[in-house]
Amino acid sequence: MVVQELSGNRPCFLVRWADGSDYRLTLDHGTDRIEQMGHNAVVVGSAGKDLVFTSVDLTDSPKVAGTYVRKGASQGELRSQGFFYKPDDEDSERLAYR
């Protein structure tokens, strides 16, 4: 599945490559990057002066699974090297940023 946001908009569009099904999520922040997290994804972007991480559950009908807001933070760079993802087991994952 691919997640993409159109420049300047809050909607996040998803397409399941296997069958062409498309979905739309509405986010409360912009999108700077999208990272794979196991079978799911995390969308990272800014909302004013805050850095926002939105986890997206990509099973069945995709939906927002949770949001983490880091107040007064911003990305130091827009390359993926600033993030670290590690699956602990089937039900637990870690995402870290520097």
PDB file of N, CA and C in Angstrom:
ATOM      1  N   MET A   1       0.839  -1.172   0.000  1.00  0.00           N
ATOM      2  CA  MET A   1       0.000   0.000   0.000  1.00  0.00           C
ATOM      3  C   MET A   1       0.888   1.240   0.000  1.00  0.00           C
ATOM      4  N   VAL A   2       0.487   2.269  -0.711  1.00  0.00           N
ATOM      5  CA  VAL A   2       1.234   3.513  -0.788  1.00  0.00           C
ATOM      6  C   VAL A   2       0.398   4.613  -0.158  1.00  0.00           C
ATOM      7  N   VAL A   3       1.043   5.457   0.636  1.00  0.00           N
ATOM      8  CA  VAL A   3       0.353   6.577   1.261  1.00  0.00           C
ATOM      9  C   VAL A   3       0.920   7.842   0.647  1.00  0.00           C
ATOM     10  N   GLN A   4       0.044   8.766   0.259  1.00  0.00           N
ATOM     11  CA  GLN A   4       0.500   9.984  -0.393  1.00  0.00           C
ATOM     12  C   GLN A   4      -0.399  11.131   0.018  1.00  0.00           C
ATOM     13  N   GLU A   5       0.188  12.289   0.245  1.00  0.00           N
ATOM     14  CA  GLU A   5      -0.621  13.478   0.499  1.00  0.00           C
ATOM     15  C   GLU A   5      -0.392  14.464  -0.621  1.00  0.00           C
ATOM     16  N   LEU A   6      -1.447  15.080  -1.089  1.00  0.00           N
ATOM     17  CA  LEU A   6      -1.320  16.118  -2.092  1.00  0.00           C
ATOM     18  C   LEU A   6      -0.799  17.377  -1.433  1.00  0.00           C
ATOM     19  N   SER A   7       0.130  18.041  -2.063  1.00  0.00           N
ATOM     20  CA  SER A   7       0.785  19.217  -1.501  1.00  0.00           C
ATOM     21  C   SER A   7      -0.218  20.269  -1.026  1.00  0.00           C
ATOM     22  N   GLY A   8      -0.038  20.706   0.218  1.00  0.00           N
ATOM     23  CA  GLY A   8      -0.852  21.773   0.768  1.00  0.00           C
ATOM     24  C   GLY A   8      -2.188  21.337   1.328  1.00  0.00           C
ATOM     25  N   ASN A   9      -2.574  20.076   1.225  1.00  0.00           N
ATOM     26  CA  ASN A   9      -3.851  19.585   1.731  1.00  0.00           C
ATOM     27  C   ASN A   9      -3.651  18.703   2.957  1.00  0.00           C
ATOM     28  N   ARG A  10      -4.712  18.547   3.743  1.00  0.00           N
ATOM     29  CA  ARG A  10      -4.678  17.688   4.919  1.00  0.00           C
ATOM     30  C   ARG A  10      -5.098  16.250   4.643  1.00  0.00           C
ATOM     31  N   PRO A  11      -5.810  15.973   3.545  1.00  0.00           N
ATOM     32  CA  PRO A  11      -6.185  14.578   3.314  1.00  0.00           C
ATOM     33  C   PRO A  11      -4.965  13.725   2.981  1.00  0.00           C
ATOM     34  N   CYS A  12      -5.042  12.473   3.343  1.00  0.00           N
ATOM     35  CA  CYS A  12      -3.989  11.507   3.038  1.00  0.00           C
ATOM     36  C   CYS A  12      -4.659  10.378   2.252  1.00  0.00           C
ATOM     37  N   PHE A  13      -4.192  10.121   1.048  1.00  0.00           N
ATOM     38  CA  PHE A  13      -4.813   9.131   0.180  1.00  0.00           C
ATOM     39  C   PHE A  13      -3.995   7.853   0.162  1.00  0.00           C
ATOM     40  N   LEU A  14      -4.668   6.714   0.219  1.00  0.00           N
ATOM     41  CA  LEU A  14      -4.024   5.414   0.233  1.00  0.00           C
ATOM     42  C   LEU A  14      -4.578   4.573  -0.902  1.00  0.00           C
ATOM     43  N   VAL A  15      -3.703   3.792  -1.543  1.00  0.00           N
ATOM     44  CA  VAL A  15      -4.127   2.891  -2.609  1.00  0.00           C
ATOM     45  C   VAL A  15      -3.546   1.512  -2.325  1.00  0.00           C
ATOM     46  N   ARG A  16      -4.394   0.503  -2.307  1.00  0.00           N
ATOM     47  CA  ARG A  16      -3.944  -0.876  -2.146  1.00  0.00           C
ATOM     48  C   ARG A  16      -3.580  -1.393  -3.538  1.00  0.00           C
ATOM     49  N   TRP A  17      -2.270  -1.593  -3.761  1.00  0.00           N
ATOM     50  CA  TRP A  17      -1.792  -1.979  -5.090  1.00  0.00           C
ATOM     51  C   TRP A  17      -2.388  -3.298  -5.569  1.00  0.00           C
ATOM     52  N   ALA A  18      -2.650  -4.219  -4.669  1.00  0.00           N
ATOM     53  CA  ALA A  18      -3.131  -5.551  -5.057  1.00  0.00           C
ATOM     54  C   ALA A  18      -4.461  -5.504  -5.805  1.00  0.00           C
ATOM     55  N   ASP A  19      -5.366  -4.608  -5.405  1.00  0.00           N
ATOM     56  CA  ASP A  19      -6.676  -4.587  -6.055  1.00  0.00           C
ATOM     57  C   ASP A  19      -7.142  -3.198  -6.487  1.00  0.00           C
ATOM     58  N   GLY A  20      -6.325  -2.171  -6.255  1.00  0.00           N
ATOM     59  CA  GLY A  20      -6.669  -0.820  -6.678  1.00  0.00           C
ATOM     60  C   GLY A  20      -7.637  -0.079  -5.776  1.00  0.00           C
ATOM     61  N   SER A  21      -8.010  -0.692  -4.643  1.00  0.00           N
ATOM     62  CA  SER A  21      -8.903  -0.006  -3.700  1.00  0.00           C
ATOM     63  C   SER A  21      -8.236   1.274  -3.212  1.00  0.00           C
ATOM     64  N   ASP A  22      -9.026   2.345  -3.103  1.00  0.00           N
ATOM     65  CA  ASP A  22      -8.448   3.596  -2.610  1.00  0.00           C
ATOM     66  C   ASP A  22      -9.206   4.062  -1.371  1.00  0.00           C
ATOM     67  N   TYR A  23      -8.484   4.752  -0.502  1.00  0.00           N
ATOM     68  CA  TYR A  23      -9.010   5.220   0.776  1.00  0.00           C
ATOM     69  C   TYR A  23      -8.530   6.646   1.017  1.00  0.00           C
ATOM     70  N   ARG A  24      -9.248   7.354   1.857  1.00  0.00           N
ATOM     71  CA  ARG A  24      -8.871   8.719   2.219  1.00  0.00           C
ATOM     72  C   ARG A  24      -8.909   8.855   3.734  1.00  0.00           C
ATOM     73  N   LEU A  25      -7.829   9.367   4.292  1.00  0.00           N
ATOM     74  CA  LEU A  25      -7.767   9.701   5.708  1.00  0.00           C
ATOM     75  C   LEU A  25      -7.638  11.206   5.820  1.00  0.00           C
ATOM     76  N   THR A  26      -8.166  11.786   6.872  1.00  0.00           N
ATOM     77  CA  THR A  26      -7.991  13.206   7.133  1.00  0.00           C
ATOM     78  C   THR A  26      -7.071  13.359   8.333  1.00  0.00           C
ATOM     79  N   LEU A  27      -5.987  14.099   8.145  1.00  0.00           N
ATOM     80  CA  LEU A  27      -5.010  14.301   9.207  1.00  0.00           C
ATOM     81  C   LEU A  27      -5.080  15.732   9.717  1.00  0.00           C
ATOM     82  N   ASP A  28      -4.641  15.932  10.961  1.00  0.00           N
ATOM     83  CA  ASP A  28      -4.627  17.257  11.579  1.00  0.00           C
ATOM     84  C   ASP A  28      -3.283  17.952  11.399  1.00  0.00           C
ATOM     85  N   HIS A  29      -2.476  17.444  10.494  1.00  0.00           N
ATOM     86  CA  HIS A  29      -1.141  18.014  10.280  1.00  0.00           C
ATOM     87  C   HIS A  29      -0.720  17.794   8.838  1.00  0.00           C
ATOM     88  N   GLY A  30       0.315  18.502   8.447  1.00  0.00           N
ATOM     89  CA  GLY A  30       0.885  18.306   7.120  1.00  0.00           C
ATOM     90  C   GLY A  30       1.660  17.000   7.074  1.00  0.00           C
ATOM     91  N   THR A  31       2.138  16.650   5.907  1.00  0.00           N
ATOM     92  CA  THR A  31       2.907  15.414   5.743  1.00  0.00           C
ATOM     93  C   THR A  31       4.280  15.740   5.172  1.00  0.00           C
ATOM     94  N   ASP A  32       5.317  15.439   5.965  1.00  0.00           N
ATOM     95  CA  ASP A  32       6.693  15.602   5.500  1.00  0.00           C
ATOM     96  C   ASP A  32       7.277  14.277   5.060  1.00  0.00           C
ATOM     97  N   ARG A  33       6.834  13.197   5.703  1.00  0.00           N
ATOM     98  CA  ARG A  33       7.396  11.883   5.402  1.00  0.00           C
ATOM     99  C   ARG A  33       6.409  10.804   5.790  1.00  0.00           C
ATOM    100  N   ILE A  34       6.578   9.645   5.172  1.00  0.00           N
ATOM    101  CA  ILE A  34       5.789   8.462   5.482  1.00  0.00           C
ATOM    102  C   ILE A  34       6.778   7.318   5.649  1.00  0.00           C
ATOM    103  N   GLU A  35       6.709   6.637   6.772  1.00  0.00           N
ATOM    104  CA  GLU A  35       7.630   5.546   7.067  1.00  0.00           C
ATOM    105  C   GLU A  35       6.853   4.255   7.260  1.00  0.00           C
ATOM    106  N   GLN A  36       7.391   3.160   6.744  1.00  0.00           N
ATOM    107  CA  GLN A  36       6.801   1.851   6.967  1.00  0.00           C
ATOM    108  C   GLN A  36       7.063   1.421   8.401  1.00  0.00           C
ATOM    109  N   MET A  37       6.060   0.833   9.023  1.00  0.00           N
ATOM    110  CA  MET A  37       6.197   0.249  10.366  1.00  0.00           C
ATOM    111  C   MET A  37       5.578  -1.135  10.308  1.00  0.00           C
ATOM    112  N   GLY A  38       6.388  -2.139   9.988  1.00  0.00           N
ATOM    113  CA  GLY A  38       5.876  -3.492   9.838  1.00  0.00           C
ATOM    114  C   GLY A  38       4.886  -3.529   8.699  1.00  0.00           C
ATOM    115  N   HIS A  39       3.650  -3.937   8.970  1.00  0.00           N
ATOM    116  CA  HIS A  39       2.603  -3.975   7.951  1.00  0.00           C
ATOM    117  C   HIS A  39       1.793  -2.681   7.948  1.00  0.00           C
ATOM    118  N   ASN A  40       2.199  -1.704   8.731  1.00  0.00           N
ATOM    119  CA  ASN A  40       1.484  -0.438   8.868  1.00  0.00           C
ATOM    120  C   ASN A  40       2.396   0.708   8.479  1.00  0.00           C
ATOM    121  N   ALA A  41       2.005   1.934   8.826  1.00  0.00           N
ATOM    122  CA  ALA A  41       2.807   3.100   8.454  1.00  0.00           C
ATOM    123  C   ALA A  41       2.678   4.181   9.517  1.00  0.00           C
ATOM    124  N   VAL A  42       3.615   5.129   9.490  1.00  0.00           N
ATOM    125  CA  VAL A  42       3.521   6.326  10.318  1.00  0.00           C
ATOM    126  C   VAL A  42       3.714   7.527   9.400  1.00  0.00           C
ATOM    127  N   VAL A  43       2.847   8.514   9.562  1.00  0.00           N
ATOM    128  CA  VAL A  43       2.916   9.755   8.794  1.00  0.00           C
ATOM    129  C   VAL A  43       3.449  10.821   9.746  1.00  0.00           C
ATOM    130  N   VAL A  44       4.509  11.515   9.340  1.00  0.00           N
ATOM    131  CA  VAL A  44       5.153  12.510  10.185  1.00  0.00           C
ATOM    132  C   VAL A  44       5.029  13.876   9.528  1.00  0.00           C
ATOM    133  N   GLY A  45       4.633  14.867  10.310  1.00  0.00           N
ATOM    134  CA  GLY A  45       4.516  16.211   9.778  1.00  0.00           C
ATOM    135  C   GLY A  45       4.337  17.233  10.879  1.00  0.00           C
ATOM    136  N   SER A  46       4.176  18.475  10.488  1.00  0.00           N
ATOM    137  CA  SER A  46       4.065  19.575  11.437  1.00  0.00           C
ATOM    138  C   SER A  46       2.635  20.076  11.541  1.00  0.00           C
ATOM    139  N   ALA A  47       2.316  20.541  12.745  1.00  0.00           N
ATOM    140  CA  ALA A  47       1.060  21.245  13.008  1.00  0.00           C
ATOM    141  C   ALA A  47       1.461  22.479  13.804  1.00  0.00           C
ATOM    142  N   GLY A  48       1.578  23.603  13.125  1.00  0.00           N
ATOM    143  CA  GLY A  48       2.078  24.808  13.784  1.00  0.00           C
ATOM    144  C   GLY A  48       3.516  24.601  14.206  1.00  0.00           C
ATOM    145  N   LYS A  49       3.798  24.747  15.507  1.00  0.00           N
ATOM    146  CA  LYS A  49       5.157  24.586  16.030  1.00  0.00           C
ATOM    147  C   LYS A  49       5.409  23.196  16.604  1.00  0.00           C
ATOM    148  N   ASP A  50       4.482  22.266  16.372  1.00  0.00           N
ATOM    149  CA  ASP A  50       4.588  20.920  16.931  1.00  0.00           C
ATOM    150  C   ASP A  50       4.915  19.897  15.857  1.00  0.00           C
ATOM    151  N   LEU A  51       5.609  18.823  16.256  1.00  0.00           N
ATOM    152  CA  LEU A  51       5.901  17.702  15.377  1.00  0.00           C
ATOM    153  C   LEU A  51       4.896  16.597  15.700  1.00  0.00           C
ATOM    154  N   VAL A  52       4.232  16.062  14.670  1.00  0.00           N
ATOM    155  CA  VAL A  52       3.156  15.098  14.882  1.00  0.00           C
ATOM    156  C   VAL A  52       3.469  13.784  14.172  1.00  0.00           C
ATOM    157  N   PHE A  53       3.258  12.674  14.892  1.00  0.00           N
ATOM    158  CA  PHE A  53       3.403  11.324  14.358  1.00  0.00           C
ATOM    159  C   PHE A  53       2.018  10.684  14.371  1.00  0.00           C
ATOM    160  N   THR A  54       1.510  10.268  13.227  1.00  0.00           N
ATOM    161  CA  THR A  54       0.215   9.600  13.152  1.00  0.00           C
ATOM    162  C   THR A  54       0.429   8.185  12.648  1.00  0.00           C
ATOM    163  N   SER A  55       0.078   7.198  13.478  1.00  0.00           N
ATOM    164  CA  SER A  55       0.187   5.807  13.039  1.00  0.00           C
ATOM    165  C   SER A  55      -1.054   5.447  12.245  1.00  0.00           C
ATOM    166  N   VAL A  56      -0.829   4.698  11.159  1.00  0.00           N
ATOM    167  CA  VAL A  56      -1.911   4.306  10.264  1.00  0.00           C
ATOM    168  C   VAL A  56      -1.976   2.785  10.219  1.00  0.00           C
ATOM    169  N   ASP A  57      -3.128   2.243  10.599  1.00  0.00           N
ATOM    170  CA  ASP A  57      -3.400   0.807  10.535  1.00  0.00           C
ATOM    171  C   ASP A  57      -3.813   0.488   9.102  1.00  0.00           C
ATOM    172  N   LEU A  58      -3.020  -0.311   8.403  1.00  0.00           N
ATOM    173  CA  LEU A  58      -3.271  -0.595   6.995  1.00  0.00           C
ATOM    174  C   LEU A  58      -4.015  -1.910   6.774  1.00  0.00           C
ATOM    175  N   THR A  59      -4.472  -2.557   7.834  1.00  0.00           N
ATOM    176  CA  THR A  59      -5.236  -3.789   7.669  1.00  0.00           C
ATOM    177  C   THR A  59      -6.671  -3.446   7.301  1.00  0.00           C
ATOM    178  N   ASP A  60      -7.304  -4.338   6.566  1.00  0.00           N
ATOM    179  CA  ASP A  60      -8.698  -4.173   6.141  1.00  0.00           C
ATOM    180  C   ASP A  60      -8.942  -2.771   5.591  1.00  0.00           C
ATOM    181  N   SER A  61      -9.781  -1.987   6.259  1.00  0.00           N
ATOM    182  CA  SER A  61     -10.050  -0.616   5.848  1.00  0.00           C
ATOM    183  C   SER A  61      -9.101   0.300   6.620  1.00  0.00           C
ATOM    184  N   PRO A  62      -8.112   0.910   5.954  1.00  0.00           N
ATOM    185  CA  PRO A  62      -7.115   1.725   6.656  1.00  0.00           C
ATOM    186  C   PRO A  62      -7.744   2.807   7.524  1.00  0.00           C
ATOM    187  N   LYS A  63      -7.114   3.040   8.677  1.00  0.00           N
ATOM    188  CA  LYS A  63      -7.617   4.047   9.622  1.00  0.00           C
ATOM    189  C   LYS A  63      -6.473   4.563  10.481  1.00  0.00           C
ATOM    190  N   VAL A  64      -6.684   5.748  11.049  1.00  0.00           N
ATOM    191  CA  VAL A  64      -5.728   6.311  11.991  1.00  0.00           C
ATOM    192  C   VAL A  64      -5.779   5.468  13.256  1.00  0.00           C
ATOM    193  N   ALA A  65      -4.613   4.978  13.692  1.00  0.00           N
ATOM    194  CA  ALA A  65      -4.546   4.124  14.882  1.00  0.00           C
ATOM    195  C   ALA A  65      -4.162   4.921  16.124  1.00  0.00           C
ATOM    196  N   GLY A  66      -3.468   6.036  15.932  1.00  0.00           N
ATOM    197  CA  GLY A  66      -3.054   6.844  17.067  1.00  0.00           C
ATOM    198  C   GLY A  66      -2.224   8.023  16.616  1.00  0.00           C
ATOM    199  N   THR A  67      -2.092   8.992  17.505  1.00  0.00           N
ATOM    200  CA  THR A  67      -1.318  10.195  17.204  1.00  0.00           C
ATOM    201  C   THR A  67      -0.469  10.564  18.406  1.00  0.00           C
ATOM    202  N   TYR A  68       0.771  10.949  18.135  1.00  0.00           N
ATOM    203  CA  TYR A  68       1.677  11.437  19.175  1.00  0.00           C
ATOM    204  C   TYR A  68       2.120  12.834  18.765  1.00  0.00           C
ATOM    205  N   VAL A  69       2.000  13.793  19.660  1.00  0.00           N
ATOM    206  CA  VAL A  69       2.397  15.172  19.375  1.00  0.00           C
ATOM    207  C   VAL A  69       3.572  15.528  20.270  1.00  0.00           C
ATOM    208  N   ARG A  70       4.665  15.975  19.661  1.00  0.00           N
ATOM    209  CA  ARG A  70       5.834  16.454  20.392  1.00  0.00           C
ATOM    210  C   ARG A  70       5.773  17.983  20.322  1.00  0.00           C
ATOM    211  N   LYS A  71       5.334  18.598  21.423  1.00  0.00           N
ATOM    212  CA  LYS A  71       5.144  20.052  21.478  1.00  0.00           C
ATOM    213  C   LYS A  71       6.459  20.797  21.267  1.00  0.00           C
ATOM    214  N   GLY A  72       6.407  21.835  20.465  1.00  0.00           N
ATOM    215  CA  GLY A  72       7.564  22.706  20.257  1.00  0.00           C
ATOM    216  C   GLY A  72       8.742  22.038  19.570  1.00  0.00           C
ATOM    217  N   ALA A  73       8.518  20.923  18.893  1.00  0.00           N
ATOM    218  CA  ALA A  73       9.608  20.206  18.228  1.00  0.00           C
ATOM    219  C   ALA A  73       9.474  20.326  16.714  1.00  0.00           C
ATOM    220  N   SER A  74      10.586  20.151  16.046  1.00  0.00           N
ATOM    221  CA  SER A  74      10.577  20.108  14.585  1.00  0.00           C
ATOM    222  C   SER A  74      11.642  19.121  14.149  1.00  0.00           C
ATOM    223  N   GLN A  75      11.559  18.712  12.902  1.00  0.00           N
ATOM    224  CA  GLN A  75      12.548  17.795  12.371  1.00  0.00           C
ATOM    225  C   GLN A  75      13.845  18.548  12.102  1.00  0.00           C
ATOM    226  N   GLY A  76      14.957  17.942  12.462  1.00  0.00           N
ATOM    227  CA  GLY A  76      16.252  18.548  12.201  1.00  0.00           C
ATOM    228  C   GLY A  76      16.646  18.419  10.742  1.00  0.00           C
ATOM    229  N   GLU A  77      16.109  17.408  10.098  1.00  0.00           N
ATOM    230  CA  GLU A  77      16.358  17.161   8.686  1.00  0.00           C
ATOM    231  C   GLU A  77      15.188  16.372   8.141  1.00  0.00           C
ATOM    232  N   LEU A  78      15.038  16.345   6.843  1.00  0.00           N
ATOM    233  CA  LEU A  78      13.907  15.646   6.239  1.00  0.00           C
ATOM    234  C   LEU A  78      14.294  14.302   5.635  1.00  0.00           C
ATOM    235  N   ARG A  79      15.499  13.823   5.960  1.00  0.00           N
ATOM    236  CA  ARG A  79      15.916  12.512   5.476  1.00  0.00           C
ATOM    237  C   ARG A  79      15.528  11.445   6.491  1.00  0.00           C
ATOM    238  N   SER A  80      15.342  10.229   6.034  1.00  0.00           N
ATOM    239  CA  SER A  80      14.888   9.127   6.891  1.00  0.00           C
ATOM    240  C   SER A  80      15.894   8.727   7.968  1.00  0.00           C
ATOM    241  N   GLN A  81      17.147   9.103   7.852  1.00  0.00           N
ATOM    242  CA  GLN A  81      18.144   8.677   8.818  1.00  0.00           C
ATOM    243  C   GLN A  81      17.862   9.189  10.227  1.00  0.00           C
ATOM    244  N   GLY A  82      16.992  10.172  10.372  1.00  0.00           N
ATOM    245  CA  GLY A  82      16.667  10.701  11.690  1.00  0.00           C
ATOM    246  C   GLY A  82      15.687   9.830  12.460  1.00  0.00           C
ATOM    247  N   PHE A  83      15.219   8.713  11.840  1.00  0.00           N
ATOM    248  CA  PHE A  83      14.220   7.854  12.464  1.00  0.00           C
ATOM    249  C   PHE A  83      14.738   6.434  12.585  1.00  0.00           C
ATOM    250  N   PHE A  84      14.220   5.735  13.581  1.00  0.00           N
ATOM    251  CA  PHE A  84      14.589   4.346  13.805  1.00  0.00           C
ATOM    252  C   PHE A  84      13.315   3.560  14.105  1.00  0.00           C
ATOM    253  N   TYR A  85      13.126   2.447  13.428  1.00  0.00           N
ATOM    254  CA  TYR A  85      11.964   1.584  13.653  1.00  0.00           C
ATOM    255  C   TYR A  85      12.447   0.186  14.002  1.00  0.00           C
ATOM    256  N   LYS A  86      11.844  -0.424  15.034  1.00  0.00           N
ATOM    257  CA  LYS A  86      12.206  -1.784  15.429  1.00  0.00           C
ATOM    258  C   LYS A  86      10.965  -2.524  15.893  1.00  0.00           C
ATOM    259  N   PRO A  87      10.635  -3.636  15.229  1.00  0.00           N
ATOM    260  CA  PRO A  87       9.518  -4.443  15.724  1.00  0.00           C
ATOM    261  C   PRO A  87       9.971  -5.256  16.933  1.00  0.00           C
ATOM    262  N   ASP A  88       9.217  -5.227  18.025  1.00  0.00           N
ATOM    263  CA  ASP A  88       9.528  -6.038  19.197  1.00  0.00           C
ATOM    264  C   ASP A  88       8.925  -7.430  19.043  1.00  0.00           C
ATOM    265  N   ASP A  89       7.670  -7.479  18.629  1.00  0.00           N
ATOM    266  CA  ASP A  89       6.957  -8.716  18.337  1.00  0.00           C
ATOM    267  C   ASP A  89       5.759  -8.352  17.473  1.00  0.00           C
ATOM    268  N   GLU A  90       4.826  -9.266  17.278  1.00  0.00           N
ATOM    269  CA  GLU A  90       3.699  -8.993  16.385  1.00  0.00           C
ATOM    270  C   GLU A  90       2.797  -7.866  16.865  1.00  0.00           C
ATOM    271  N   ASP A  91       2.769  -7.607  18.180  1.00  0.00           N
ATOM    272  CA  ASP A  91       1.865  -6.608  18.743  1.00  0.00           C
ATOM    273  C   ASP A  91       2.562  -5.363  19.272  1.00  0.00           C
ATOM    274  N   SER A  92       3.866  -5.259  19.101  1.00  0.00           N
ATOM    275  CA  SER A  92       4.598  -4.140  19.699  1.00  0.00           C
ATOM    276  C   SER A  92       5.716  -3.683  18.774  1.00  0.00           C
ATOM    277  N   GLU A  93       5.786  -2.367  18.558  1.00  0.00           N
ATOM    278  CA  GLU A  93       6.796  -1.774  17.705  1.00  0.00           C
ATOM    279  C   GLU A  93       7.322  -0.499  18.352  1.00  0.00           C
ATOM    280  N   ARG A  94       8.520  -0.101  17.940  1.00  0.00           N
ATOM    281  CA  ARG A  94       9.112   1.128  18.466  1.00  0.00           C
ATOM    282  C   ARG A  94       9.517   2.026  17.312  1.00  0.00           C
ATOM    283  N   LEU A  95       9.243   3.302  17.481  1.00  0.00           N
ATOM    284  CA  LEU A  95       9.707   4.312  16.532  1.00  0.00           C
ATOM    285  C   LEU A  95      10.415   5.373  17.356  1.00  0.00           C
ATOM    286  N   ALA A  96      11.640   5.677  16.973  1.00  0.00           N
ATOM    287  CA  ALA A  96      12.411   6.694  17.681  1.00  0.00           C
ATOM    288  C   ALA A  96      12.876   7.739  16.675  1.00  0.00           C
ATOM    289  N   TYR A  97      13.071   8.944  17.142  1.00  0.00           N
ATOM    290  CA  TYR A  97      13.620   9.983  16.272  1.00  0.00           C
ATOM    291  C   TYR A  97      14.666  10.744  17.049  1.00  0.00           C
ATOM    292  N   ARG A  98      15.561  11.370  16.317  1.00  0.00           N
ATOM    293  CA  ARG A  98      16.614  12.152  16.979  1.00  0.00           C
ATOM    294  C   ARG A  98      16.578  13.574  16.496  1.00  0.00           C
TER     295      ARG A  98
END
